[in-house]
Every structure is written in structure tokens, then in C-alpha cells.
Amino acid sequence: MVDNEKAQFKAMMKALTQLFNKPDLDIELLRIWWHKLNRFEFRIVSKSFDSWVDSNKRMPTPADILELCKAQESKNIPIGIGRKFTPEQKAENHARLQKMMTDLGLRKSV
């Protein structure tokens, strides 16, 4: 999260406390929550709170939401991301792999 999302975060925390019939968090508690969660994108934090509210009857702790944020973050890692290889680069890499396999005795030379 970034500094310009603090107001949204504060509003989300206020809604959370109201949902669980708890008093609003004071500034120090808001700072603690922000400090613990600001390394994640706001979208991930928001989804984590949403998931918590859907499946729990008690107010979460920062550790509860951290766990959900980490799980959300790992779901969002794109698979297969990398650079694109030209056909020539693919052929060169394949030839190098074949040579290494032959050198290691894993494949007979042709």
C-alpha cells in the first residue's frame, strides 16, 4: 500500500470494527495495522479482509490478515512469466542442453 491509500485503509478499518461491534481503532492501533500490512498492495489487503469477514465471527488480529495477504500474494504470482526467446535462441539453448547432457553421460552423442 502507498501513502495516498491511507484514507481508504482507515475507512476499511472503521467498517471492520463496526462489523464486529468493536470501538474504532485509535491512531496508534491504525499505525500498527498500517505498518504490518503496507508492504502488500491495497487490493490484496482488501481481499484478505473480505475473506476474513466472510468466514469468521471475531475481529482479526494483524497476524490473521498477514497470513491471508501472504496467501493472496502467492496466488497472484504469474506463472510462466519470463522473457520471450526467438526461434534462433531456442535452437541455441536446445543445442547447449544436448551438449551438456552428452558431456554428463546422460545422452549418447549423435
Protein backbone atom coordinates (compact mmCIF):
# COMPACT_ATOMS: atom_id res chain seq x y z
CA MET A 1 0.00 0.00 0.00
CA VAL A 2 1.12 3.55 -0.54
CA ASP A 3 0.59 6.70 1.50
CA ASN A 4 -2.25 8.01 -0.67
CA GLU A 5 -4.25 4.86 0.24
CA LYS A 6 -4.20 5.63 3.98
CA ALA A 7 -7.64 7.23 3.91
CA GLN A 8 -9.12 4.16 2.18
CA PHE A 9 -7.34 1.91 4.67
CA LYS A 10 -8.69 3.93 7.61
CA ALA A 11 -12.22 3.72 6.19
CA MET A 12 -11.84 -0.02 5.70
CA MET A 13 -10.68 -0.46 9.29
CA LYS A 14 -13.59 1.65 10.55
CA ALA A 15 -16.05 -0.54 8.63
CA LEU A 16 -14.34 -3.64 10.02
CA THR A 17 -14.68 -2.50 13.62
CA GLN A 18 -18.33 -1.67 13.04
CA LEU A 19 -18.98 -5.08 11.52
CA PHE A 20 -17.60 -6.77 14.62
CA ASN A 21 -19.21 -4.30 17.05
CA LYS A 22 -15.85 -3.01 18.28
CA PRO A 23 -14.79 0.56 19.05
CA ASP A 24 -12.97 2.47 16.32
CA LEU A 25 -9.22 1.97 16.37
CA ASP A 26 -7.20 4.83 17.80
CA ILE A 27 -4.38 6.38 15.80
CA GLU A 28 -1.70 4.17 17.36
CA LEU A 29 -3.53 0.96 16.53
CA LEU A 30 -4.15 2.19 12.99
CA ARG A 31 -0.41 2.87 12.66
CA ILE A 32 0.40 -0.65 13.84
CA TRP A 33 -2.01 -2.20 11.35
CA TRP A 34 -0.65 0.02 8.57
CA HIS A 35 2.96 -0.82 9.44
CA LYS A 36 2.21 -4.55 9.37
CA LEU A 37 0.26 -4.52 6.11
CA ASN A 38 1.68 -1.70 3.98
CA ARG A 39 4.11 -3.98 2.12
CA PHE A 40 1.15 -5.53 0.30
CA GLU A 41 -0.92 -3.96 -2.45
CA PHE A 42 -4.15 -2.41 -1.22
CA ARG A 43 -6.09 -4.81 -3.43
CA ILE A 44 -4.53 -7.81 -1.64
CA VAL A 45 -5.18 -6.32 1.81
CA SER A 46 -8.78 -5.54 0.90
CA LYS A 47 -9.37 -9.07 -0.43
CA SER A 48 -7.84 -10.51 2.72
CA PHE A 49 -10.18 -8.53 4.97
CA ASP A 50 -13.11 -9.50 2.76
CA SER A 51 -12.17 -13.16 3.04
CA TRP A 52 -11.85 -12.85 6.82
CA VAL A 53 -15.27 -11.24 7.20
CA ASP A 54 -16.85 -13.97 5.07
CA SER A 55 -15.58 -16.80 7.24
CA ASN A 56 -15.04 -15.54 10.81
CA LYS A 57 -17.11 -14.23 13.69
CA ARG A 58 -14.35 -12.40 15.54
CA MET A 59 -12.25 -9.32 14.85
CA PRO A 60 -9.00 -10.32 13.14
CA THR A 61 -5.53 -9.71 14.51
CA PRO A 62 -2.78 -8.30 12.30
CA ALA A 63 -1.30 -11.83 12.16
CA ASP A 64 -4.59 -13.20 10.82
CA ILE A 65 -4.65 -10.70 7.97
CA LEU A 66 -0.92 -11.04 7.30
CA GLU A 67 -1.42 -14.76 6.76
CA LEU A 68 -4.25 -14.13 4.31
CA CYS A 69 -2.25 -11.44 2.49
CA LYS A 70 0.66 -13.81 2.03
CA ALA A 71 -1.68 -16.46 0.65
CA GLN A 72 -3.31 -13.92 -1.69
CA GLU A 73 0.08 -12.68 -2.84
CA SER A 74 1.27 -16.18 -3.70
CA LYS A 75 -1.90 -16.76 -5.76
CA ASN A 76 -1.13 -13.65 -7.80
CA ILE A 77 2.35 -14.65 -8.92
CA PRO A 78 2.13 -15.05 -12.67
CA ILE A 79 3.25 -18.44 -13.88
CA GLY A 80 5.41 -18.64 -16.96
CA ILE A 81 6.49 -15.06 -16.75
CA GLY A 82 9.80 -14.52 -18.40
CA ARG A 83 11.48 -13.27 -21.44
CA LYS A 84 10.48 -14.40 -24.90
CA PHE A 85 13.03 -16.34 -26.89
CA THR A 86 13.45 -16.14 -30.65
CA PRO A 87 13.48 -19.42 -32.59
CA GLU A 88 17.23 -18.99 -33.02
CA GLN A 89 17.74 -18.60 -29.26
CA LYS A 90 15.58 -21.66 -28.61
CA ALA A 91 17.63 -23.72 -31.06
CA GLU A 92 20.87 -22.49 -29.49
CA ASN A 93 19.64 -23.29 -25.97
CA HIS A 94 18.48 -26.73 -27.11
CA ALA A 95 21.88 -27.45 -28.66
CA ARG A 96 23.66 -26.34 -25.47
CA LEU A 97 21.36 -28.55 -23.37
CA GLN A 98 22.01 -31.54 -25.62
CA LYS A 99 25.78 -30.97 -25.37
CA MET A 100 25.60 -30.72 -21.57
CA MET A 101 23.57 -33.91 -21.37
CA THR A 102 26.09 -35.69 -23.59
CA ASP A 103 29.01 -34.32 -21.53
CA LEU A 104 27.33 -35.59 -18.34
CA GLY A 105 26.80 -39.00 -19.88
CA LEU A 106 23.05 -38.66 -19.82
CA ARG A 107 22.74 -38.93 -23.61
CA LYS A 108 24.84 -40.58 -26.28
CA SER A 109 26.30 -38.21 -28.80
CA VAL A 110 24.72 -38.36 -32.23
